[in-house]
Amino acid sequence: MMKTQIPFYALIFALVLSSCKSVNTASTVPKDDGKITITFVQINDVYEIAPMQGGKIGGVARVATLKKQELTKNPNTVMVMAGDFLSPSVYNSLKYDGKRIRGRQMVESLNAAGLDLAVFGNHEFDIKEDELQDRINESTFKWIASNTFHKTATGVLPFVKITSSGKEPFPETYIMNIQDQDGTKAKIGFIGLTIPFNKADYVTYTDKFAAAEKLYNQLKNSCDAVVAITHLAVAQDSILARRLPGLALIMGGHEHDMQFKKIGDIYITKAHANAKSAYVNYLTIDVKNKTKSVIPELRMIDTSIAEDPATALVVKKWMNIGETNYEALGFNAQRVVREAGEPLDGREEMIRSGKTNLTRIIVSAMEKAVPTADVVLLNSGSIRVDDVLQMPITEYDIIRTLPYGGSIMEVDMKGSLLIKVLEAGRNNVGSGGFLQYSSAVNYNPATKIWTLKDAPIDLKKSYHVGLADFLMTGGEANMGFLNKDNPDISKIYPAPTSSSDIRSDSRLAIIKYLSEMGK
């Protein structure tokens, strides 16, 4: 039998090829480089689940897509909500399943969108204790509360999420363990701070800076980076950054106009309200060298981002529920009340420090509804749209502009009290207590004199005033004196209750006024 001979050079070639394959196979195993990145998709102050401005900007379903896009680039991607999303909302006075909605639409939409971490905003405590508990129980995301606690009959305790497995107390800190493809591991510590603005009787606060400092010191030696998620004023975030220069990042909320600062090595990021934008923050940690760096990117949420289909279905469900409710209240949400004209400016940064075309329309509508009034007053905080309304304007736009609704009250008060109210409103500049009022009223800063129709307001004269009903509760900032027991109020007129009376809901007055303007 003839034997097959294998040439010597063929053996050498086979050995070399085998060696190359071994080298190539080994090289596909990634080497731990000691560096790892976590991506944060950050939103804050979101009250609208659907896109705004005719569908052009915002929308929780688009935020869901943004997170999914980032997840394809980095499995260590986390969506963060920096407070204020359960209230105020156009839905909060509506009913579903026999109960007030009170933020339920937000929780269900954010669950669908893949929210991971949230902190309380001050407006979370606008709703009742049992309503907040229901929203917490419905959430599938993690809450962190470092300085905010539940005041109960048995004492001060952490807020809890009640699940089928039992009670889950909100942690003061949270540690997240992450690992990347090449095996690098890191621990990220989180603290969550809330501005102690809302004094609801079921909530109590500890000092935000003291709490942050204590908890940071607890975390810093066991974590590779510590991140603060805050709902504070930006000035307070800046103080926090100076007091804790070792923080990796501060992702905040509260201001509705986008904020971006760098204090030392710490970035402070706040997106536009209502998910008009999101901050995508890339935190990279060099575990071996114990260093960290952040690359922040502001992403506009607009038509360039497709809606996530699953989240969009949830949004659509709640939009339909809303429309059914509006009809029961006498509103036709889709009806156009103004076809054309210049956009109406309802941005908080503008209306809380001056007048805009939107505030002038609202005041004029109130004057038309109460023609006997010498002056009408409105607190800017009742306007919650924080948006520029584009034409055409629908009834829904007016509903979401003033989600609280409320009647237009009429009272007779002394000029001395009227001046006191106007002064308080002037001093509330920058906040919701800043007042909008009739164009016939003016203030001269040089003489410090208030005038009405060019005549000084008479301290002893009685004036007929139309005002938002909330102002008469004494609940507005620096206006605790303005209530039914004030001796300088000589008469309070019966509050209208019939929906056929446009004074019963200021939104009805505005809709009627806008409709008549277009004729």
Protein backbone atom coordinates (compact mmCIF):
# COMPACT_ATOMS: atom_id res chain seq x y z
CA MET A 1 0.00 0.00 0.00
CA MET A 2 1.28 3.45 -0.87
CA LYS A 3 1.72 5.81 2.08
CA THR A 4 0.76 9.44 1.78
CA GLN A 5 3.73 11.76 2.35
CA ILE A 6 3.17 15.20 3.92
CA PRO A 7 5.84 17.67 2.82
CA PHE A 8 7.88 19.24 5.65
CA TYR A 9 6.97 22.79 4.65
CA ALA A 10 3.25 21.88 4.84
CA LEU A 11 3.70 20.80 8.44
CA ILE A 12 5.42 24.07 9.26
CA PHE A 13 2.55 26.03 7.62
CA ALA A 14 -0.05 24.08 9.59
CA LEU A 15 1.76 24.74 12.87
CA VAL A 16 2.05 28.45 12.12
CA LEU A 17 -1.65 28.66 11.19
CA SER A 18 -2.62 26.84 14.37
CA SER A 19 -0.45 29.22 16.39
CA CYS A 20 -2.05 32.24 14.74
CA LYS A 21 -5.52 30.94 15.51
CA SER A 22 -4.58 30.52 19.14
CA VAL A 23 -3.25 34.05 19.31
CA ASN A 24 -6.36 35.48 17.60
CA THR A 25 -8.70 33.58 19.90
CA ALA A 26 -6.90 34.84 22.98
CA SER A 27 -6.95 38.41 21.69
CA THR A 28 -10.78 38.43 21.50
CA VAL A 29 -10.97 38.18 25.27
CA PRO A 30 -11.19 41.83 26.45
CA LYS A 31 -8.61 42.92 28.99
CA ASP A 32 -9.74 44.74 32.11
CA ASP A 33 -8.60 48.33 31.55
CA GLY A 34 -9.71 49.52 34.98
CA LYS A 35 -12.11 52.08 33.51
CA ILE A 36 -15.89 51.93 33.49
CA THR A 37 -18.63 54.32 32.32
CA ILE A 38 -22.17 54.71 33.60
CA THR A 39 -24.67 56.72 31.54
CA PHE A 40 -27.40 58.77 33.19
CA VAL A 41 -30.48 59.91 31.26
CA GLN A 42 -31.76 62.72 33.49
CA ILE A 43 -35.16 64.44 33.43
CA ASN A 44 -36.82 66.68 36.01
CA ASP A 45 -40.01 68.67 36.62
CA VAL A 46 -42.21 66.71 34.21
CA TYR A 47 -45.95 67.29 34.31
CA GLU A 48 -46.90 66.37 30.74
CA ILE A 49 -46.81 62.80 29.45
CA ALA A 50 -47.55 63.70 25.82
CA PRO A 51 -45.58 65.85 23.37
CA MET A 52 -46.35 69.57 23.37
CA GLN A 53 -46.41 72.38 20.83
CA GLY A 54 -48.47 70.34 18.40
CA GLY A 55 -46.38 67.24 19.01
CA LYS A 56 -43.07 68.90 18.22
CA ILE A 57 -41.30 68.69 21.58
CA GLY A 58 -41.29 66.56 24.72
CA GLY A 59 -43.13 63.36 25.45
CA VAL A 60 -42.31 60.53 27.87
CA ALA A 61 -42.37 58.01 25.00
CA ARG A 62 -39.48 59.85 23.35
CA VAL A 63 -37.50 59.83 26.59
CA ALA A 64 -38.06 56.05 26.67
CA THR A 65 -36.51 55.80 23.22
CA LEU A 66 -33.55 57.94 24.29
CA LYS A 67 -32.86 55.56 27.16
CA LYS A 68 -33.08 52.55 24.85
CA GLN A 69 -30.67 54.20 22.42
CA GLU A 70 -28.17 54.76 25.22
CA LEU A 71 -28.63 51.20 26.48
CA THR A 72 -27.52 49.85 23.12
CA LYS A 73 -24.26 51.76 23.57
CA ASN A 74 -23.81 51.01 27.27
CA PRO A 75 -25.73 48.42 29.32
CA ASN A 76 -24.90 50.51 32.39
CA THR A 77 -27.51 53.16 31.55
CA VAL A 78 -29.79 54.58 34.23
CA MET A 79 -32.78 56.92 33.89
CA VAL A 80 -33.11 59.47 36.70
CA MET A 81 -36.02 61.72 37.74
CA ALA A 82 -34.88 64.70 39.84
CA GLY A 83 -38.28 65.44 41.39
CA ASP A 84 -41.64 67.10 40.67
CA PHE A 85 -43.69 64.78 38.52
CA LEU A 86 -46.78 63.76 40.51
CA SER A 87 -48.04 67.34 40.77
CA PRO A 88 -49.09 69.83 39.55
CA SER A 89 -50.82 68.26 36.61
CA VAL A 90 -53.85 68.90 34.49
CA TYR A 91 -54.91 65.36 35.44
CA ASN A 92 -54.82 65.87 39.18
CA SER A 93 -58.39 67.04 39.54
CA LEU A 94 -59.72 64.35 37.19
CA LYS A 95 -61.10 60.94 38.19
CA TYR A 96 -60.44 57.37 37.08
CA ASP A 97 -61.72 54.19 38.73
CA GLY A 98 -63.66 56.36 41.17
CA LYS A 99 -60.56 58.14 42.52
CA ARG A 100 -58.70 61.35 41.74
CA ILE A 101 -55.88 60.56 39.32
CA ARG A 102 -53.28 62.53 41.30
CA GLY A 103 -50.20 61.61 39.27
CA ARG A 104 -51.19 58.04 38.43
CA GLN A 105 -50.73 58.78 34.73
CA MET A 106 -47.16 59.93 35.39
CA VAL A 107 -46.18 56.82 37.37
CA GLU A 108 -47.62 54.43 34.80
CA SER A 109 -45.96 56.28 31.92
CA LEU A 110 -42.57 56.48 33.66
CA ASN A 111 -42.78 52.80 34.62
CA ALA A 112 -43.26 51.99 30.95
CA ALA A 113 -40.42 54.32 29.94
CA GLY A 114 -37.97 52.50 32.23
CA LEU A 115 -37.35 55.05 34.99
CA ASP A 116 -34.77 53.68 37.43
CA LEU A 117 -34.22 56.25 40.21
CA ALA A 118 -36.33 59.11 41.58
CA VAL A 119 -36.26 61.65 44.39
CA PHE A 120 -39.10 63.69 45.81
CA GLY A 121 -39.74 67.18 44.51
CA ASN A 122 -41.60 69.66 46.69
CA HIS A 123 -44.73 69.23 44.56
CA GLU A 124 -44.94 65.51 45.31
CA PHE A 125 -46.43 66.64 48.62
CA ASP A 126 -49.21 68.68 46.99
CA ILE A 127 -51.34 65.55 46.95
CA LYS A 128 -52.84 63.85 49.99
CA GLU A 129 -50.90 61.37 52.09
CA ASP A 130 -52.90 58.33 50.97
CA GLU A 131 -52.72 59.45 47.33
CA LEU A 132 -48.93 59.76 47.50
CA GLN A 133 -48.74 56.31 49.10
CA ASP A 134 -50.76 54.84 46.22
CA ARG A 135 -48.42 56.40 43.67
CA ILE A 136 -45.36 55.10 45.51
CA ASN A 137 -46.85 51.60 45.66
CA GLU A 138 -47.58 51.68 41.91
CA SER A 139 -44.02 52.69 40.99
CA THR A 140 -41.54 50.11 39.72
CA PHE A 141 -38.55 52.42 40.13
CA LYS A 142 -36.30 53.05 43.13
CA TRP A 143 -36.80 56.08 45.40
CA ILE A 144 -34.05 57.73 47.44
CA ALA A 145 -34.85 60.14 50.29
CA SER A 146 -31.88 61.45 52.24
CA ASN A 147 -33.47 64.41 54.03
CA THR A 148 -37.20 63.79 53.56
CA PHE A 149 -39.19 61.65 55.98
CA HIS A 150 -42.73 60.52 56.71
CA LYS A 151 -44.39 62.11 59.74
CA THR A 152 -46.76 59.50 61.18
CA ALA A 153 -48.86 59.04 64.31
CA THR A 154 -46.10 56.82 65.72
CA GLY A 155 -43.22 59.12 64.87
CA VAL A 156 -40.93 60.15 62.03
CA LEU A 157 -40.09 57.23 59.75
CA PRO A 158 -38.78 56.67 56.22
CA PHE A 159 -41.39 56.67 53.49
CA VAL A 160 -42.09 53.12 52.34
CA LYS A 161 -43.20 51.31 49.23
CA ILE A 162 -45.78 48.63 50.02
CA THR A 163 -45.52 45.60 47.75
CA SER A 164 -46.78 42.02 47.79
CA SER A 165 -43.53 41.13 49.56
CA GLY A 166 -44.04 43.66 52.33
CA LYS A 167 -42.80 47.16 53.11
CA GLU A 168 -39.67 48.59 51.45
CA PRO A 169 -38.41 51.65 53.37
CA PHE A 170 -36.92 54.41 51.24
CA PRO A 171 -33.14 54.36 51.76
CA GLU A 172 -31.22 57.48 52.71
CA THR A 173 -28.46 56.25 50.40
CA TYR A 174 -28.31 53.73 47.60
CA ILE A 175 -25.32 51.84 46.25
CA MET A 176 -25.38 50.52 42.69
CA ASN A 177 -22.89 47.85 41.60
CA ILE A 178 -21.92 47.98 37.94
CA GLN A 179 -19.62 45.91 35.72
CA ASP A 180 -18.62 46.36 32.10
CA GLN A 181 -17.73 43.94 29.32
CA ASP A 182 -14.03 43.74 30.15
CA GLY A 183 -14.72 42.96 33.80
CA THR A 184 -14.17 46.36 35.42
CA LYS A 185 -16.36 46.73 38.48
CA ALA A 186 -17.42 49.84 40.39
CA LYS A 187 -19.78 50.99 43.10
CA ILE A 188 -21.83 54.16 42.65
CA GLY A 189 -23.31 55.74 45.78
CA PHE A 190 -26.38 57.98 45.57
CA ILE A 191 -27.93 60.55 47.88
CA GLY A 192 -31.27 62.25 47.20
CA LEU A 193 -32.14 65.72 48.52
CA THR A 194 -35.37 67.71 48.46
CA ILE A 195 -35.96 71.41 49.08
CA PRO A 196 -38.01 71.82 52.30
CA PHE A 197 -40.55 74.07 50.59
CA ASN A 198 -43.81 72.16 50.97
CA LYS A 199 -44.88 71.96 54.61
CA ALA A 200 -47.52 69.24 54.24
CA ASP A 201 -48.41 67.87 57.66
CA TYR A 202 -47.28 64.33 56.79
CA VAL A 203 -43.73 65.22 55.74
CA THR A 204 -40.71 66.49 57.63
CA TYR A 205 -37.21 67.44 56.51
CA THR A 206 -33.74 67.35 57.98
CA ASP A 207 -31.16 69.95 57.01
CA LYS A 208 -30.21 69.22 53.43
CA PHE A 209 -26.54 70.15 53.73
CA ALA A 210 -25.98 68.38 57.03
CA ALA A 211 -27.69 65.25 55.71
CA ALA A 212 -25.65 65.35 52.50
CA GLU A 213 -22.37 65.79 54.35
CA LYS A 214 -23.09 62.96 56.80
CA LEU A 215 -24.19 60.52 54.10
CA TYR A 216 -21.38 61.43 51.71
CA ASN A 217 -18.85 60.66 54.43
CA GLN A 218 -20.53 57.30 54.96
CA LEU A 219 -20.30 56.45 51.26
CA LYS A 220 -17.03 57.95 50.06
CA ASN A 221 -14.70 55.18 51.30
CA SER A 222 -16.85 52.28 50.10
CA CYS A 223 -17.86 53.70 46.70
CA ASP A 224 -15.86 54.63 43.63
CA ALA A 225 -18.10 57.67 43.03
CA VAL A 226 -20.91 59.44 44.88
CA VAL A 227 -23.68 61.16 42.90
CA ALA A 228 -26.29 63.57 44.28
CA ILE A 229 -29.79 63.62 42.78
CA THR A 230 -31.39 66.81 44.05
CA HIS A 231 -34.52 68.89 43.91
CA LEU A 232 -33.02 72.12 45.23
CA ALA A 233 -32.61 75.67 44.02
CA VAL A 234 -29.53 75.95 41.83
CA ALA A 235 -27.90 78.27 44.39
CA GLN A 236 -28.27 75.48 46.95
CA ASP A 237 -26.80 72.95 44.53
CA SER A 238 -23.83 75.28 44.15
CA ILE A 239 -23.37 75.41 47.92
CA LEU A 240 -23.58 71.62 48.02
CA ALA A 241 -20.85 71.36 45.39
CA ARG A 242 -18.57 73.65 47.37
CA ARG A 243 -19.19 71.81 50.64
CA LEU A 244 -18.67 68.38 49.09
CA PRO A 245 -16.03 68.83 46.36
CA GLY A 246 -15.56 65.05 46.14
CA LEU A 247 -19.00 64.51 44.59
CA ALA A 248 -18.88 63.11 41.08
CA LEU A 249 -22.01 64.86 39.76
CA ILE A 250 -25.15 66.73 40.84
CA MET A 251 -28.26 66.01 38.78
CA GLY A 252 -30.97 68.41 39.87
CA GLY A 253 -34.44 69.79 39.35
CA HIS A 254 -36.72 72.59 40.62
CA GLU A 255 -35.84 75.34 38.13
CA HIS A 256 -37.84 74.77 34.97
CA ASP A 257 -35.46 76.55 32.67
CA MET A 258 -32.41 74.44 31.90
CA GLN A 259 -29.46 74.98 34.25
CA PHE A 260 -25.83 74.05 33.71
CA LYS A 261 -23.00 74.96 36.05
CA LYS A 262 -19.58 73.71 36.99
CA ILE A 263 -18.40 74.33 40.54
CA GLY A 264 -14.82 73.12 40.87
CA ASP A 265 -14.84 69.71 39.24
CA ILE A 266 -18.56 69.12 39.75
CA TYR A 267 -21.13 69.56 37.01
CA ILE A 268 -24.66 70.61 38.01
CA THR A 269 -27.21 69.65 35.35
CA LYS A 270 -30.92 70.40 35.13
CA ALA A 271 -32.95 69.73 32.00
CA HIS A 272 -35.86 71.81 30.67
CA ALA A 273 -39.18 71.07 32.35
CA ASN A 274 -41.77 68.78 30.79
CA ALA A 275 -39.10 66.63 29.13
CA LYS A 276 -38.41 69.26 26.50
CA SER A 277 -34.84 68.11 26.98
CA ALA A 278 -32.86 65.53 28.91
CA TYR A 279 -29.31 65.59 30.15
CA VAL A 280 -27.25 62.55 29.17
CA ASN A 281 -24.33 62.44 31.60
CA TYR A 282 -21.45 60.05 31.01
CA LEU A 283 -19.61 59.33 34.26
CA THR A 284 -16.31 57.49 33.71
CA ILE A 285 -14.43 56.03 36.67
CA ASP A 286 -10.79 54.98 36.59
CA VAL A 287 -10.92 52.40 39.36
CA LYS A 288 -7.15 51.80 39.45
CA ASN A 289 -6.14 55.46 39.62
CA LYS A 290 -9.21 56.47 41.67
CA THR A 291 -10.20 59.28 39.34
CA LYS A 292 -13.50 60.17 37.71
CA SER A 293 -14.71 62.44 34.93
CA VAL A 294 -18.09 63.49 33.53
CA ILE A 295 -19.15 64.41 30.01
CA PRO A 296 -22.59 66.11 30.10
CA GLU A 297 -24.67 66.38 26.94
CA LEU A 298 -27.99 68.23 26.63
CA ARG A 299 -30.35 66.38 24.30
CA MET A 300 -33.46 68.08 22.96
CA ILE A 301 -36.52 65.82 23.01
CA ASP A 302 -38.17 66.52 19.67
CA THR A 303 -39.32 64.88 16.45
CA SER A 304 -35.81 63.61 15.74
CA ILE A 305 -36.49 60.98 18.42
CA ALA A 306 -39.17 58.39 17.65
CA GLU A 307 -41.74 57.48 20.28
CA ASP A 308 -41.28 54.16 22.05
CA PRO A 309 -44.41 52.18 21.01
CA ALA A 310 -45.08 50.53 24.39
CA THR A 311 -44.80 53.81 26.29
CA ALA A 312 -46.84 55.63 23.66
CA LEU A 313 -49.72 53.19 24.25
CA VAL A 314 -49.76 54.08 27.95
CA VAL A 315 -49.68 57.80 27.13
CA LYS A 316 -52.56 57.38 24.68
CA LYS A 317 -54.60 55.52 27.29
CA TRP A 318 -54.30 58.42 29.72
CA MET A 319 -54.93 61.05 27.07
CA ASN A 320 -58.24 59.32 26.30
CA ILE A 321 -59.13 59.17 30.00
CA GLY A 322 -58.36 62.88 30.27
CA GLU A 323 -60.57 63.86 27.36
CA THR A 324 -63.50 61.93 28.82
CA ASN A 325 -63.07 63.78 32.12
CA TYR A 326 -62.81 67.20 30.48
CA GLU A 327 -66.11 66.62 28.74
CA ALA A 328 -67.76 65.92 32.10
CA LEU A 329 -66.40 69.25 33.41
CA GLY A 330 -67.78 71.16 30.46
CA PHE A 331 -64.58 71.35 28.39
CA ASN A 332 -64.02 70.23 24.83
CA ALA A 333 -60.28 69.59 25.00
CA GLN A 334 -59.69 69.43 21.25
CA ARG A 335 -61.73 72.51 20.33
CA VAL A 336 -59.63 75.33 18.89
CA VAL A 337 -60.25 78.65 20.64
CA ARG A 338 -57.71 80.72 18.75
CA GLU A 339 -56.59 79.87 15.23
CA ALA A 340 -53.72 82.25 14.63
CA GLY A 341 -51.59 84.93 16.17
CA GLU A 342 -48.31 85.22 18.00
CA PRO A 343 -47.29 82.42 20.38
CA LEU A 344 -48.29 82.98 24.01
CA ASP A 345 -45.40 83.04 26.47
CA GLY A 346 -46.07 81.06 29.64
CA ARG A 347 -42.47 80.31 30.57
CA GLU A 348 -41.98 80.56 34.31
CA GLU A 349 -38.77 82.55 33.99
CA MET A 350 -40.84 85.25 32.27
CA ILE A 351 -44.17 85.23 34.10
CA ARG A 352 -42.62 85.13 37.58
CA SER A 353 -40.77 88.37 37.03
CA GLY A 354 -42.97 90.36 34.65
CA LYS A 355 -45.90 90.41 32.26
CA THR A 356 -46.21 88.48 29.00
CA ASN A 357 -48.84 88.35 26.29
CA LEU A 358 -50.29 85.24 27.98
CA THR A 359 -50.61 86.87 31.42
CA ARG A 360 -52.19 89.94 29.85
CA ILE A 361 -54.83 87.75 28.19
CA ILE A 362 -55.57 85.95 31.46
CA VAL A 363 -55.93 89.23 33.35
CA SER A 364 -58.12 90.68 30.61
CA ALA A 365 -60.32 87.58 30.68
CA MET A 366 -60.74 87.97 34.45
CA GLU A 367 -61.62 91.65 34.01
CA LYS A 368 -64.22 90.72 31.40
CA ALA A 369 -65.68 88.11 33.78
CA VAL A 370 -65.83 90.62 36.66
CA PRO A 371 -66.57 93.96 34.95
CA THR A 372 -67.34 95.75 38.23
CA ALA A 373 -63.85 95.09 39.64
CA ASP A 374 -61.48 98.03 40.11
CA VAL A 375 -58.56 95.63 39.80
CA VAL A 376 -57.99 91.89 39.34
CA LEU A 377 -55.14 89.87 40.87
CA LEU A 378 -53.61 86.53 39.93
CA ASN A 379 -50.65 84.69 41.43
CA SER A 380 -48.20 83.62 38.71
CA GLY A 381 -47.85 80.21 40.38
CA SER A 382 -51.32 79.29 39.19
CA ILE A 383 -49.93 79.32 35.63
CA ARG A 384 -48.08 76.00 35.36
CA VAL A 385 -47.60 75.46 31.64
CA ASP A 386 -43.95 76.65 31.58
CA ASP A 387 -44.18 76.62 27.81
CA VAL A 388 -44.72 78.85 24.82
CA LEU A 389 -48.18 78.05 23.47
CA GLN A 390 -48.15 77.78 19.72
CA MET A 391 -51.13 78.44 17.50
CA PRO A 392 -53.73 77.09 17.16
CA ILE A 393 -54.68 77.19 20.86
CA THR A 394 -57.08 74.50 22.07
CA GLU A 395 -59.14 74.27 25.23
CA TYR A 396 -56.65 71.64 26.43
CA ASP A 397 -53.88 74.24 26.20
CA ILE A 398 -55.84 76.46 28.58
CA ILE A 399 -56.59 73.54 30.92
CA ARG A 400 -52.92 72.62 31.17
CA THR A 401 -51.92 76.27 31.50
CA LEU A 402 -53.97 76.56 34.70
CA PRO A 403 -54.28 72.95 35.92
CA TYR A 404 -55.60 73.99 39.34
CA GLY A 405 -58.57 75.83 37.87
CA GLY A 406 -60.30 77.69 40.67
CA SER A 407 -62.95 80.37 40.73
CA ILE A 408 -62.64 84.13 40.42
CA MET A 409 -63.63 85.60 43.78
CA GLU A 410 -64.83 89.12 44.47
CA VAL A 411 -64.08 91.07 47.64
CA ASP A 412 -64.18 94.66 48.87
CA MET A 413 -60.98 95.71 50.66
CA LYS A 414 -59.34 98.87 51.94
CA GLY A 415 -56.70 100.53 49.82
CA SER A 416 -54.17 99.91 52.60
CA LEU A 417 -54.68 96.14 52.27
CA LEU A 418 -54.62 96.31 48.47
CA ILE A 419 -51.23 98.05 48.64
CA LYS A 420 -49.98 95.46 51.14
CA VAL A 421 -50.99 92.66 48.76
CA LEU A 422 -49.40 94.38 45.75
CA GLU A 423 -46.19 94.97 47.73
CA ALA A 424 -46.03 91.31 48.75
CA GLY A 425 -46.48 90.30 45.13
CA ARG A 426 -43.75 92.68 43.99
CA ASN A 427 -41.37 91.25 46.59
CA ASN A 428 -42.19 87.70 45.46
CA VAL A 429 -40.41 88.29 42.15
CA GLY A 430 -38.96 85.06 40.81
CA SER A 431 -41.50 82.86 42.60
CA GLY A 432 -45.08 81.73 42.13
CA GLY A 433 -46.23 84.47 44.52
CA PHE A 434 -45.31 87.17 42.00
CA LEU A 435 -48.60 88.86 41.08
CA GLN A 436 -50.17 89.59 37.73
CA TYR A 437 -52.68 92.46 37.88
CA SER A 438 -54.71 94.92 35.83
CA SER A 439 -52.83 97.22 33.48
CA ALA A 440 -54.50 100.18 35.22
CA VAL A 441 -52.32 99.47 38.27
CA ASN A 442 -48.76 100.79 38.28
CA TYR A 443 -45.86 101.13 40.69
CA ASN A 444 -43.34 103.96 40.68
CA PRO A 445 -40.07 102.68 42.19
CA ALA A 446 -38.73 106.21 42.58
CA THR A 447 -41.65 107.45 44.68
CA LYS A 448 -42.67 103.98 45.94
CA ILE A 449 -46.28 104.86 45.18
CA TRP A 450 -48.92 102.49 43.76
CA THR A 451 -51.45 104.07 41.43
CA LEU A 452 -54.76 102.95 39.92
CA LYS A 453 -55.84 104.75 36.76
CA ASP A 454 -53.03 107.26 37.37
CA ALA A 455 -54.31 108.19 40.84
CA PRO A 456 -52.55 107.03 44.04
CA ILE A 457 -54.37 104.16 45.73
CA ASP A 458 -56.26 105.69 48.67
CA LEU A 459 -55.40 103.90 51.93
CA LYS A 460 -58.88 104.42 53.38
CA LYS A 461 -60.97 103.93 50.25
CA SER A 462 -62.72 100.61 49.57
CA TYR A 463 -61.84 98.86 46.30
CA HIS A 464 -63.73 96.08 44.55
CA VAL A 465 -61.18 93.38 43.74
CA GLY A 466 -61.48 90.24 41.60
CA LEU A 467 -58.88 87.63 42.42
CA ALA A 468 -57.96 83.97 42.08
CA ASP A 469 -59.65 82.07 44.91
CA PHE A 470 -56.33 80.58 46.09
CA LEU A 471 -55.11 84.04 47.08
CA MET A 472 -57.89 84.29 49.66
CA THR A 473 -56.64 81.19 51.50
CA GLY A 474 -53.56 82.98 52.86
CA GLY A 475 -51.50 80.17 51.36
CA GLU A 476 -49.41 82.25 48.96
CA ALA A 477 -45.86 83.19 49.92
CA ASN A 478 -45.74 86.24 52.21
CA MET A 479 -49.53 86.65 51.97
CA GLY A 480 -50.72 84.80 55.05
CA PHE A 481 -52.62 87.94 56.02
CA LEU A 482 -54.89 87.71 52.97
CA ASN A 483 -57.82 85.66 54.24
CA LYS A 484 -61.52 85.97 55.08
CA ASP A 485 -60.73 87.07 58.66
CA ASN A 486 -58.71 90.13 57.66
CA PRO A 487 -60.48 93.17 59.17
CA ASP A 488 -59.62 95.30 56.14
CA ILE A 489 -61.91 93.16 53.98
CA SER A 490 -65.41 94.59 54.31
CA LYS A 491 -67.26 92.14 52.07
CA ILE A 492 -66.71 88.75 50.45
CA TYR A 493 -69.18 88.03 47.67
CA PRO A 494 -70.71 84.54 47.28
CA ALA A 495 -68.45 82.27 45.23
CA PRO A 496 -70.02 81.20 41.93
CA THR A 497 -70.45 77.44 41.61
CA SER A 498 -72.49 76.87 38.45
CA SER A 499 -70.47 75.90 35.36
CA SER A 500 -72.73 78.25 33.41
CA ASP A 501 -71.05 81.12 35.28
CA ILE A 502 -67.57 81.66 33.85
CA ARG A 503 -66.41 83.02 37.20
CA SER A 504 -66.76 79.48 38.61
CA ASP A 505 -63.58 78.45 36.78
CA SER A 506 -61.04 80.95 35.52
CA ARG A 507 -60.30 78.64 32.58
CA LEU A 508 -63.86 79.02 31.33
CA ALA A 509 -63.42 82.79 31.42
CA ILE A 510 -60.16 82.58 29.43
CA ILE A 511 -61.62 80.21 26.84
CA LYS A 512 -64.63 82.50 26.34
CA TYR A 513 -62.38 85.55 26.07
CA LEU A 514 -60.07 83.92 23.50
CA SER A 515 -63.02 82.65 21.47
CA GLU A 516 -64.49 86.14 21.32
CA MET A 517 -61.12 87.63 20.35
CA GLY A 518 -61.07 85.44 17.27
CA LYS A 519 -64.45 86.63 16.04
